[in-house]
Amino acid sequence: MFLGLKQWLVAKKIKGGTWHNSPVKSTKSGLKTWKQVNGDVSRFKDVKNARKVDSILNGTGKAFPKSLGVAGAAGVVLDGAATYLERKDEYGETSAAIDGVVHTGTAVGSIYAGAAIGSLIPIPVVGTLAGAAGGYLVNGVANTLYDGFAHGKWNLDNFKLW
């Protein structure tokens, strides 16, 4: 008689939140508790995330999520680079680099905000246009607020298209 995985796990579980034949020295019964099993899973996820970050820093991983797409990732990088190049003479390289990173982050956020706004409207072309307009507005507002607080300039240059 063969059991499926779910039935096998249910059969392996015993009272008291422990697993049958999973010996450990840290409990009175000598078996793993649910808390210890959850800790194992958490440590696995932490190691997996650390490997992902390490691969990005080494240049072998993917820095942008697949959901951004090629055009979105290119636009985000261009926005950050353009911000840096525009501001490095006026504010210095360090401040310009920080501004470029912040504008890159707001661009990513605006892409996701635009996608969420567009998804709320079930009409295909109208939803896409509303999402694009909403993402544009979110990006402009976020960048204007950042620039206003960081540099004291409350101009509306962040809303220009080119």
N, C-alpha and C. Protein backbone atom coordinates (compact mmCIF):
# COMPACT_ATOMS: atom_id res chain seq x y z
N MET A 1 0.84 -1.16 0.00
CA MET A 1 0.00 0.00 0.00
C MET A 1 0.90 1.24 0.00
N PHE A 2 0.74 2.10 -1.01
CA PHE A 2 1.56 3.30 -1.11
C PHE A 2 0.75 4.52 -0.70
N LEU A 3 1.42 5.44 -0.01
CA LEU A 3 0.78 6.69 0.43
C LEU A 3 1.29 7.83 -0.44
N GLY A 4 0.44 8.80 -0.68
CA GLY A 4 0.87 10.02 -1.33
C GLY A 4 1.71 10.84 -0.35
N LEU A 5 2.37 11.88 -0.86
CA LEU A 5 3.23 12.71 -0.02
C LEU A 5 2.45 13.33 1.13
N LYS A 6 1.27 13.85 0.83
CA LYS A 6 0.47 14.49 1.88
C LYS A 6 0.06 13.48 2.95
N GLN A 7 -0.38 12.31 2.53
CA GLN A 7 -0.77 11.29 3.50
C GLN A 7 0.43 10.82 4.31
N TRP A 8 1.59 10.73 3.65
CA TRP A 8 2.79 10.31 4.35
C TRP A 8 3.18 11.31 5.43
N LEU A 9 3.08 12.63 5.07
CA LEU A 9 3.42 13.66 6.05
C LEU A 9 2.43 13.65 7.21
N VAL A 10 1.16 13.47 6.92
CA VAL A 10 0.16 13.42 7.98
C VAL A 10 0.42 12.21 8.88
N ALA A 11 0.75 11.09 8.28
CA ALA A 11 1.03 9.89 9.06
C ALA A 11 2.30 10.05 9.88
N LYS A 12 3.27 10.81 9.39
CA LYS A 12 4.53 11.00 10.08
C LYS A 12 4.40 11.96 11.26
N LYS A 13 3.45 12.89 11.20
CA LYS A 13 3.24 13.86 12.26
C LYS A 13 2.63 13.16 13.48
N ILE A 14 3.13 13.51 14.65
CA ILE A 14 2.58 12.94 15.88
C ILE A 14 2.17 14.06 16.80
N LYS A 15 1.52 13.74 17.90
CA LYS A 15 1.05 14.73 18.85
C LYS A 15 2.20 15.51 19.44
N GLY A 16 1.91 16.72 19.92
CA GLY A 16 2.93 17.55 20.56
C GLY A 16 3.73 18.39 19.59
N GLY A 17 3.34 18.40 18.32
CA GLY A 17 4.02 19.24 17.35
C GLY A 17 5.40 18.75 16.97
N THR A 18 5.66 17.45 17.01
CA THR A 18 6.96 16.92 16.62
C THR A 18 6.81 15.97 15.45
N TRP A 19 7.92 15.67 14.81
CA TRP A 19 7.94 14.75 13.68
C TRP A 19 8.53 13.43 14.15
N HIS A 20 7.95 12.35 13.72
CA HIS A 20 8.42 11.02 14.09
C HIS A 20 9.78 10.74 13.44
N ASN A 21 10.71 10.22 14.23
CA ASN A 21 12.05 9.83 13.78
C ASN A 21 12.86 10.99 13.20
N SER A 22 12.72 12.19 13.74
CA SER A 22 13.57 13.33 13.38
C SER A 22 14.34 13.71 14.64
N PRO A 23 15.40 13.00 14.99
CA PRO A 23 16.05 13.20 16.27
C PRO A 23 16.81 14.52 16.37
N VAL A 24 16.66 15.20 17.50
CA VAL A 24 17.45 16.37 17.87
C VAL A 24 17.68 16.29 19.38
N LYS A 25 18.73 16.93 19.83
CA LYS A 25 19.07 16.85 21.25
C LYS A 25 18.43 17.98 22.06
N SER A 26 17.86 18.99 21.42
CA SER A 26 17.41 20.17 22.14
C SER A 26 16.01 20.04 22.74
N THR A 27 15.31 18.97 22.51
CA THR A 27 13.98 18.81 23.09
C THR A 27 13.96 17.62 24.03
N LYS A 28 12.99 17.61 24.93
CA LYS A 28 12.88 16.51 25.89
C LYS A 28 12.59 15.19 25.19
N SER A 29 11.76 15.24 24.18
CA SER A 29 11.39 14.01 23.49
C SER A 29 12.45 13.57 22.49
N GLY A 30 13.36 14.49 22.13
CA GLY A 30 14.38 14.14 21.15
C GLY A 30 13.92 14.28 19.72
N LEU A 31 12.75 14.90 19.50
CA LEU A 31 12.21 15.07 18.15
C LEU A 31 12.06 16.55 17.84
N LYS A 32 12.08 16.89 16.55
CA LYS A 32 11.95 18.29 16.14
C LYS A 32 10.55 18.82 16.43
N THR A 33 10.50 20.04 16.94
CA THR A 33 9.21 20.70 17.15
C THR A 33 8.86 21.50 15.90
N TRP A 34 7.62 21.96 15.84
CA TRP A 34 7.19 22.79 14.71
C TRP A 34 8.04 24.04 14.61
N LYS A 35 8.39 24.62 15.74
CA LYS A 35 9.19 25.84 15.75
C LYS A 35 10.57 25.58 15.12
N GLN A 36 11.15 24.44 15.42
CA GLN A 36 12.45 24.12 14.84
C GLN A 36 12.35 23.86 13.34
N VAL A 37 11.28 23.22 12.91
CA VAL A 37 11.08 22.98 11.48
C VAL A 37 10.91 24.31 10.76
N ASN A 38 10.12 25.24 11.34
CA ASN A 38 9.94 26.56 10.73
C ASN A 38 11.26 27.32 10.70
N GLY A 39 12.09 27.17 11.73
CA GLY A 39 13.40 27.82 11.73
C GLY A 39 14.29 27.31 10.62
N ASP A 40 14.22 26.00 10.34
CA ASP A 40 14.99 25.43 9.23
C ASP A 40 14.56 26.05 7.90
N VAL A 41 13.27 26.20 7.72
CA VAL A 41 12.74 26.78 6.49
C VAL A 41 13.16 28.24 6.36
N SER A 42 13.10 29.00 7.46
CA SER A 42 13.50 30.41 7.44
C SER A 42 14.98 30.56 7.09
N ARG A 43 15.81 29.71 7.69
CA ARG A 43 17.24 29.77 7.39
C ARG A 43 17.50 29.44 5.92
N PHE A 44 16.77 28.49 5.36
CA PHE A 44 16.92 28.15 3.95
C PHE A 44 16.57 29.35 3.07
N LYS A 45 15.47 30.04 3.39
CA LYS A 45 15.07 31.21 2.60
C LYS A 45 16.09 32.33 2.71
N ASP A 46 16.67 32.54 3.91
CA ASP A 46 17.70 33.56 4.09
C ASP A 46 18.94 33.26 3.25
N VAL A 47 19.35 32.01 3.24
CA VAL A 47 20.52 31.62 2.45
C VAL A 47 20.23 31.81 0.97
N LYS A 48 19.04 31.44 0.55
CA LYS A 48 18.67 31.59 -0.86
C LYS A 48 18.68 33.06 -1.27
N ASN A 49 18.12 33.94 -0.43
CA ASN A 49 18.12 35.38 -0.73
C ASN A 49 19.53 35.94 -0.73
N ALA A 50 20.38 35.50 0.19
CA ALA A 50 21.76 35.97 0.23
C ALA A 50 22.51 35.56 -1.03
N ARG A 51 22.26 34.35 -1.53
CA ARG A 51 22.89 33.91 -2.77
C ARG A 51 22.43 34.77 -3.95
N LYS A 52 21.15 35.15 -3.94
CA LYS A 52 20.62 35.97 -5.02
C LYS A 52 21.28 37.35 -5.02
N VAL A 53 21.40 37.96 -3.84
CA VAL A 53 22.04 39.28 -3.73
C VAL A 53 23.51 39.19 -4.12
N ASP A 54 24.19 38.12 -3.67
CA ASP A 54 25.59 37.94 -4.01
C ASP A 54 25.79 37.80 -5.51
N SER A 55 24.89 37.08 -6.18
CA SER A 55 25.02 36.91 -7.63
C SER A 55 24.78 38.24 -8.36
N ILE A 56 23.90 39.08 -7.82
CA ILE A 56 23.67 40.39 -8.44
C ILE A 56 24.91 41.27 -8.27
N LEU A 57 25.50 41.25 -7.06
CA LEU A 57 26.69 42.06 -6.82
C LEU A 57 27.88 41.60 -7.64
N ASN A 58 27.97 40.30 -7.91
CA ASN A 58 29.06 39.78 -8.71
C ASN A 58 28.83 39.96 -10.21
N GLY A 59 27.65 40.39 -10.59
CA GLY A 59 27.34 40.61 -11.99
C GLY A 59 26.83 39.37 -12.71
N THR A 60 26.57 38.29 -11.98
CA THR A 60 26.09 37.07 -12.63
C THR A 60 24.59 36.88 -12.49
N GLY A 61 23.94 37.67 -11.66
CA GLY A 61 22.51 37.52 -11.42
C GLY A 61 21.71 38.57 -12.16
N LYS A 62 20.41 38.48 -12.00
CA LYS A 62 19.50 39.45 -12.63
C LYS A 62 19.15 40.51 -11.59
N ALA A 63 19.43 41.77 -11.92
CA ALA A 63 19.21 42.84 -10.96
C ALA A 63 17.76 43.30 -10.92
N PHE A 64 17.06 43.19 -12.03
CA PHE A 64 15.69 43.67 -12.08
C PHE A 64 14.74 42.49 -12.18
N PRO A 65 13.58 42.60 -11.55
CA PRO A 65 12.62 41.51 -11.64
C PRO A 65 12.09 41.35 -13.07
N LYS A 66 11.67 40.13 -13.40
CA LYS A 66 11.15 39.86 -14.73
C LYS A 66 9.93 40.70 -15.05
N SER A 67 9.18 41.10 -14.03
CA SER A 67 7.94 41.83 -14.27
C SER A 67 8.19 43.23 -14.84
N LEU A 68 9.39 43.77 -14.69
CA LEU A 68 9.68 45.08 -15.27
C LEU A 68 9.78 45.01 -16.79
N GLY A 69 10.28 43.93 -17.30
CA GLY A 69 10.47 43.79 -18.73
C GLY A 69 11.71 44.54 -19.19
N VAL A 70 12.09 44.31 -20.41
CA VAL A 70 13.31 44.91 -20.96
C VAL A 70 13.13 46.43 -21.10
N ALA A 71 12.00 46.86 -21.63
CA ALA A 71 11.78 48.29 -21.83
C ALA A 71 11.69 49.02 -20.50
N GLY A 72 11.01 48.43 -19.53
CA GLY A 72 10.90 49.06 -18.22
C GLY A 72 12.25 49.17 -17.53
N ALA A 73 13.04 48.10 -17.58
CA ALA A 73 14.36 48.13 -16.95
C ALA A 73 15.27 49.14 -17.64
N ALA A 74 15.20 49.21 -18.96
CA ALA A 74 16.00 50.19 -19.70
C ALA A 74 15.58 51.61 -19.34
N GLY A 75 14.28 51.85 -19.25
CA GLY A 75 13.80 53.18 -18.88
C GLY A 75 14.22 53.57 -17.47
N VAL A 76 14.19 52.62 -16.56
CA VAL A 76 14.58 52.88 -15.18
C VAL A 76 16.06 53.25 -15.11
N VAL A 77 16.90 52.49 -15.79
CA VAL A 77 18.34 52.76 -15.79
C VAL A 77 18.63 54.11 -16.46
N LEU A 78 17.95 54.39 -17.55
CA LEU A 78 18.16 55.68 -18.23
C LEU A 78 17.72 56.85 -17.36
N ASP A 79 16.64 56.70 -16.62
CA ASP A 79 16.18 57.77 -15.73
C ASP A 79 17.22 58.06 -14.65
N GLY A 80 17.75 57.02 -14.03
CA GLY A 80 18.76 57.22 -13.00
C GLY A 80 20.04 57.82 -13.56
N ALA A 81 20.48 57.33 -14.73
CA ALA A 81 21.70 57.84 -15.34
C ALA A 81 21.54 59.30 -15.78
N ALA A 82 20.39 59.62 -16.36
CA ALA A 82 20.15 61.00 -16.79
C ALA A 82 20.11 61.95 -15.60
N THR A 83 19.51 61.51 -14.51
CA THR A 83 19.46 62.34 -13.29
C THR A 83 20.87 62.59 -12.78
N TYR A 84 21.69 61.55 -12.75
CA TYR A 84 23.07 61.71 -12.28
C TYR A 84 23.83 62.69 -13.16
N LEU A 85 23.75 62.52 -14.49
CA LEU A 85 24.50 63.38 -15.40
C LEU A 85 24.03 64.83 -15.33
N GLU A 86 22.74 65.05 -15.14
CA GLU A 86 22.21 66.42 -15.05
C GLU A 86 22.67 67.13 -13.78
N ARG A 87 22.88 66.37 -12.70
CA ARG A 87 23.09 67.00 -11.40
C ARG A 87 24.51 66.94 -10.85
N LYS A 88 25.41 66.24 -11.52
CA LYS A 88 26.73 66.06 -10.93
C LYS A 88 27.52 67.38 -10.86
N ASP A 89 27.33 68.29 -11.80
CA ASP A 89 28.03 69.57 -11.74
C ASP A 89 27.41 70.50 -10.71
N GLU A 90 26.10 70.45 -10.58
CA GLU A 90 25.39 71.36 -9.67
C GLU A 90 25.50 70.94 -8.21
N TYR A 91 25.36 69.64 -7.91
CA TYR A 91 25.32 69.19 -6.53
C TYR A 91 26.54 68.36 -6.11
N GLY A 92 27.39 68.01 -7.02
CA GLY A 92 28.52 67.15 -6.70
C GLY A 92 28.19 65.70 -7.04
N GLU A 93 29.25 64.89 -7.17
CA GLU A 93 29.06 63.52 -7.62
C GLU A 93 28.29 62.66 -6.61
N THR A 94 28.57 62.85 -5.32
CA THR A 94 27.90 62.01 -4.31
C THR A 94 26.41 62.28 -4.27
N SER A 95 26.05 63.54 -4.21
CA SER A 95 24.63 63.90 -4.16
C SER A 95 23.93 63.52 -5.46
N ALA A 96 24.62 63.68 -6.57
CA ALA A 96 24.03 63.31 -7.86
C ALA A 96 23.81 61.80 -7.93
N ALA A 97 24.74 61.02 -7.39
CA ALA A 97 24.57 59.57 -7.38
C ALA A 97 23.39 59.17 -6.52
N ILE A 98 23.24 59.81 -5.36
CA ILE A 98 22.10 59.52 -4.50
C ILE A 98 20.80 59.89 -5.21
N ASP A 99 20.78 61.04 -5.86
CA ASP A 99 19.59 61.45 -6.61
C ASP A 99 19.26 60.45 -7.72
N GLY A 100 20.29 59.96 -8.42
CA GLY A 100 20.08 58.98 -9.47
C GLY A 100 19.48 57.69 -8.95
N VAL A 101 19.96 57.24 -7.78
CA VAL A 101 19.42 56.02 -7.18
C VAL A 101 17.97 56.23 -6.75
N VAL A 102 17.69 57.38 -6.14
CA VAL A 102 16.31 57.65 -5.70
C VAL A 102 15.38 57.74 -6.90
N HIS A 103 15.80 58.41 -7.95
CA HIS A 103 14.94 58.52 -9.14
C HIS A 103 14.76 57.15 -9.80
N THR A 104 15.78 56.29 -9.73
CA THR A 104 15.64 54.93 -10.24
C THR A 104 14.58 54.17 -9.43
N GLY A 105 14.64 54.31 -8.11
CA GLY A 105 13.66 53.65 -7.25
C GLY A 105 12.24 54.14 -7.47
N THR A 106 12.09 55.45 -7.64
CA THR A 106 10.75 55.97 -7.88
C THR A 106 10.23 55.55 -9.26
N ALA A 107 11.14 55.37 -10.21
CA ALA A 107 10.72 54.90 -11.54
C ALA A 107 10.20 53.47 -11.46
N VAL A 108 10.90 52.63 -10.69
CA VAL A 108 10.42 51.25 -10.51
C VAL A 108 9.06 51.25 -9.83
N GLY A 109 8.94 52.05 -8.78
CA GLY A 109 7.66 52.14 -8.06
C GLY A 109 6.54 52.64 -8.94
N SER A 110 6.84 53.59 -9.80
CA SER A 110 5.80 54.13 -10.67
C SER A 110 5.37 53.12 -11.73
N ILE A 111 6.30 52.26 -12.16
CA ILE A 111 5.92 51.21 -13.11
C ILE A 111 4.91 50.26 -12.47
N TYR A 112 5.20 49.86 -11.23
CA TYR A 112 4.28 48.96 -10.53
C TYR A 112 2.96 49.67 -10.19
N ALA A 113 3.02 50.94 -9.84
CA ALA A 113 1.79 51.69 -9.55
C ALA A 113 0.94 51.82 -10.82
N GLY A 114 1.59 52.11 -11.93
CA GLY A 114 0.87 52.20 -13.20
C GLY A 114 0.25 50.88 -13.59
N ALA A 115 0.97 49.79 -13.34
CA ALA A 115 0.42 48.46 -13.65
C ALA A 115 -0.79 48.17 -12.77
N ALA A 116 -0.71 48.56 -11.50
CA ALA A 116 -1.85 48.33 -10.60
C ALA A 116 -3.05 49.18 -11.01
N ILE A 117 -2.81 50.42 -11.37
CA ILE A 117 -3.90 51.29 -11.79
C ILE A 117 -4.53 50.75 -13.08
N GLY A 118 -3.69 50.36 -14.02
CA GLY A 118 -4.21 49.82 -15.28
C GLY A 118 -4.98 48.53 -15.10
N SER A 119 -4.59 47.72 -14.11
CA SER A 119 -5.30 46.47 -13.85
C SER A 119 -6.67 46.68 -13.25
N LEU A 120 -6.89 47.81 -12.62
CA LEU A 120 -8.19 48.09 -12.01
C LEU A 120 -9.27 48.38 -13.05
N ILE A 121 -8.84 48.79 -14.23
CA ILE A 121 -9.79 49.13 -15.29
C ILE A 121 -9.83 47.97 -16.29
N PRO A 122 -10.96 47.30 -16.42
CA PRO A 122 -11.02 46.09 -17.25
C PRO A 122 -11.08 46.33 -18.76
N ILE A 123 -11.18 47.55 -19.19
CA ILE A 123 -11.25 47.84 -20.62
C ILE A 123 -9.81 47.92 -21.14
N PRO A 124 -9.43 47.08 -22.12
CA PRO A 124 -8.03 46.94 -22.51
C PRO A 124 -7.27 48.24 -22.81
N VAL A 125 -7.67 49.02 -23.76
CA VAL A 125 -6.91 50.21 -24.13
C VAL A 125 -7.04 51.29 -23.06
N VAL A 126 -8.21 51.45 -22.50
CA VAL A 126 -8.43 52.48 -21.48
C VAL A 126 -7.62 52.16 -20.23
N GLY A 127 -7.57 50.90 -19.84
CA GLY A 127 -6.79 50.50 -18.66
C GLY A 127 -5.31 50.76 -18.86
N THR A 128 -4.81 50.47 -20.05
CA THR A 128 -3.40 50.70 -20.35
C THR A 128 -3.06 52.18 -20.30
N LEU A 129 -3.92 53.00 -20.93
CA LEU A 129 -3.67 54.45 -20.92
C LEU A 129 -3.78 55.03 -19.52
N ALA A 130 -4.76 54.57 -18.75
CA ALA A 130 -4.91 55.07 -17.38
C ALA A 130 -3.72 54.65 -16.52
N GLY A 131 -3.23 53.44 -16.73
CA GLY A 131 -2.06 52.97 -15.99
C GLY A 131 -0.81 53.76 -16.34
N ALA A 132 -0.63 54.06 -17.61
CA ALA A 132 0.51 54.86 -18.03
C ALA A 132 0.45 56.27 -17.44
N ALA A 133 -0.74 56.89 -17.51
CA ALA A 133 -0.90 58.23 -16.94
C ALA A 133 -0.71 58.21 -15.42
N GLY A 134 -1.26 57.20 -14.76
CA GLY A 134 -1.12 57.09 -13.31
C GLY A 134 0.33 56.88 -12.90
N GLY A 135 1.05 56.01 -13.60
CA GLY A 135 2.47 55.80 -13.31
C GLY A 135 3.29 57.05 -13.53
N TYR A 136 2.98 57.78 -14.60
CA TYR A 136 3.65 59.06 -14.88
C TYR A 136 3.44 60.05 -13.75
N LEU A 137 2.20 60.16 -13.29
CA LEU A 137 1.90 61.08 -12.19
C LEU A 137 2.57 60.66 -10.88
N VAL A 138 2.55 59.37 -10.58
CA VAL A 138 3.20 58.88 -9.36
C VAL A 138 4.69 59.19 -9.39
N ASN A 139 5.33 58.97 -10.53
CA ASN A 139 6.76 59.24 -10.66
C ASN A 139 7.05 60.73 -10.51
N GLY A 140 6.26 61.55 -11.17
CA GLY A 140 6.48 63.00 -11.08
C GLY A 140 6.30 63.54 -9.67
N VAL A 141 5.26 63.09 -8.99
CA VAL A 141 5.00 63.54 -7.62
C VAL A 141 6.10 63.06 -6.68
N ALA A 142 6.49 61.79 -6.79
CA ALA A 142 7.53 61.25 -5.90
C ALA A 142 8.86 61.97 -6.11
N ASN A 143 9.24 62.19 -7.35
CA ASN A 143 10.51 62.87 -7.62
C ASN A 143 10.47 64.33 -7.19
N THR A 144 9.35 65.00 -7.39
CA THR A 144 9.22 66.40 -6.97
C THR A 144 9.30 66.51 -5.45
N LEU A 145 8.64 65.60 -4.74
CA LEU A 145 8.72 65.62 -3.28
C LEU A 145 10.15 65.35 -2.80
N TYR A 146 10.81 64.37 -3.40
CA TYR A 146 12.19 64.09 -3.00
C TYR A 146 13.09 65.29 -3.25
N ASP A 147 13.02 65.84 -4.46
CA ASP A 147 13.87 66.98 -4.80
C ASP A 147 13.58 68.19 -3.92
N GLY A 148 12.30 68.38 -3.58
CA GLY A 148 11.94 69.50 -2.72
C GLY A 148 12.52 69.36 -1.32
N PHE A 149 12.44 68.18 -0.75
CA PHE A 149 12.98 67.97 0.60
C PHE A 149 14.51 67.87 0.60
N ALA A 150 15.09 67.26 -0.44
CA ALA A 150 16.54 67.06 -0.47
C ALA A 150 17.30 68.32 -0.86
N HIS A 151 16.76 69.10 -1.80
CA HIS A 151 17.50 70.25 -2.32
C HIS A 151 16.78 71.58 -2.12
N GLY A 152 15.57 71.56 -1.63
CA GLY A 152 14.83 72.80 -1.40
C GLY A 152 14.28 73.42 -2.67
N LYS A 153 14.27 72.68 -3.77
CA LYS A 153 13.73 73.20 -5.04
C LYS A 153 12.42 72.51 -5.33
N TRP A 154 11.36 73.26 -5.39
CA TRP A 154 10.03 72.70 -5.60
C TRP A 154 9.54 72.99 -7.01
N ASN A 155 10.40 72.83 -8.00
CA ASN A 155 9.99 73.07 -9.38
C ASN A 155 9.30 71.82 -9.95
N LEU A 156 8.63 72.00 -11.04
CA LEU A 156 7.87 70.91 -11.63
C LEU A 156 8.58 70.30 -12.85
N ASP A 157 9.91 70.35 -12.86
CA ASP A 157 10.66 69.78 -13.98
C ASP A 157 10.51 68.26 -14.07
N ASN A 158 10.11 67.62 -12.99
CA ASN A 158 9.98 66.16 -13.01
C ASN A 158 8.76 65.72 -13.82
N PHE A 159 7.89 66.64 -14.18
CA PHE A 159 6.71 66.29 -14.96
C PHE A 159 6.91 66.49 -16.46
N LYS A 160 8.06 67.02 -16.87
CA LYS A 160 8.25 67.20 -18.31
C LYS A 160 8.56 65.86 -18.97
N LEU A 161 8.12 65.71 -20.18
CA LEU A 161 8.28 64.43 -20.89
C LEU A 161 9.65 64.26 -21.51
N TRP A 162 10.31 65.31 -21.89
CA TRP A 162 11.66 65.22 -22.46
C TRP A 162 12.40 66.49 -22.24
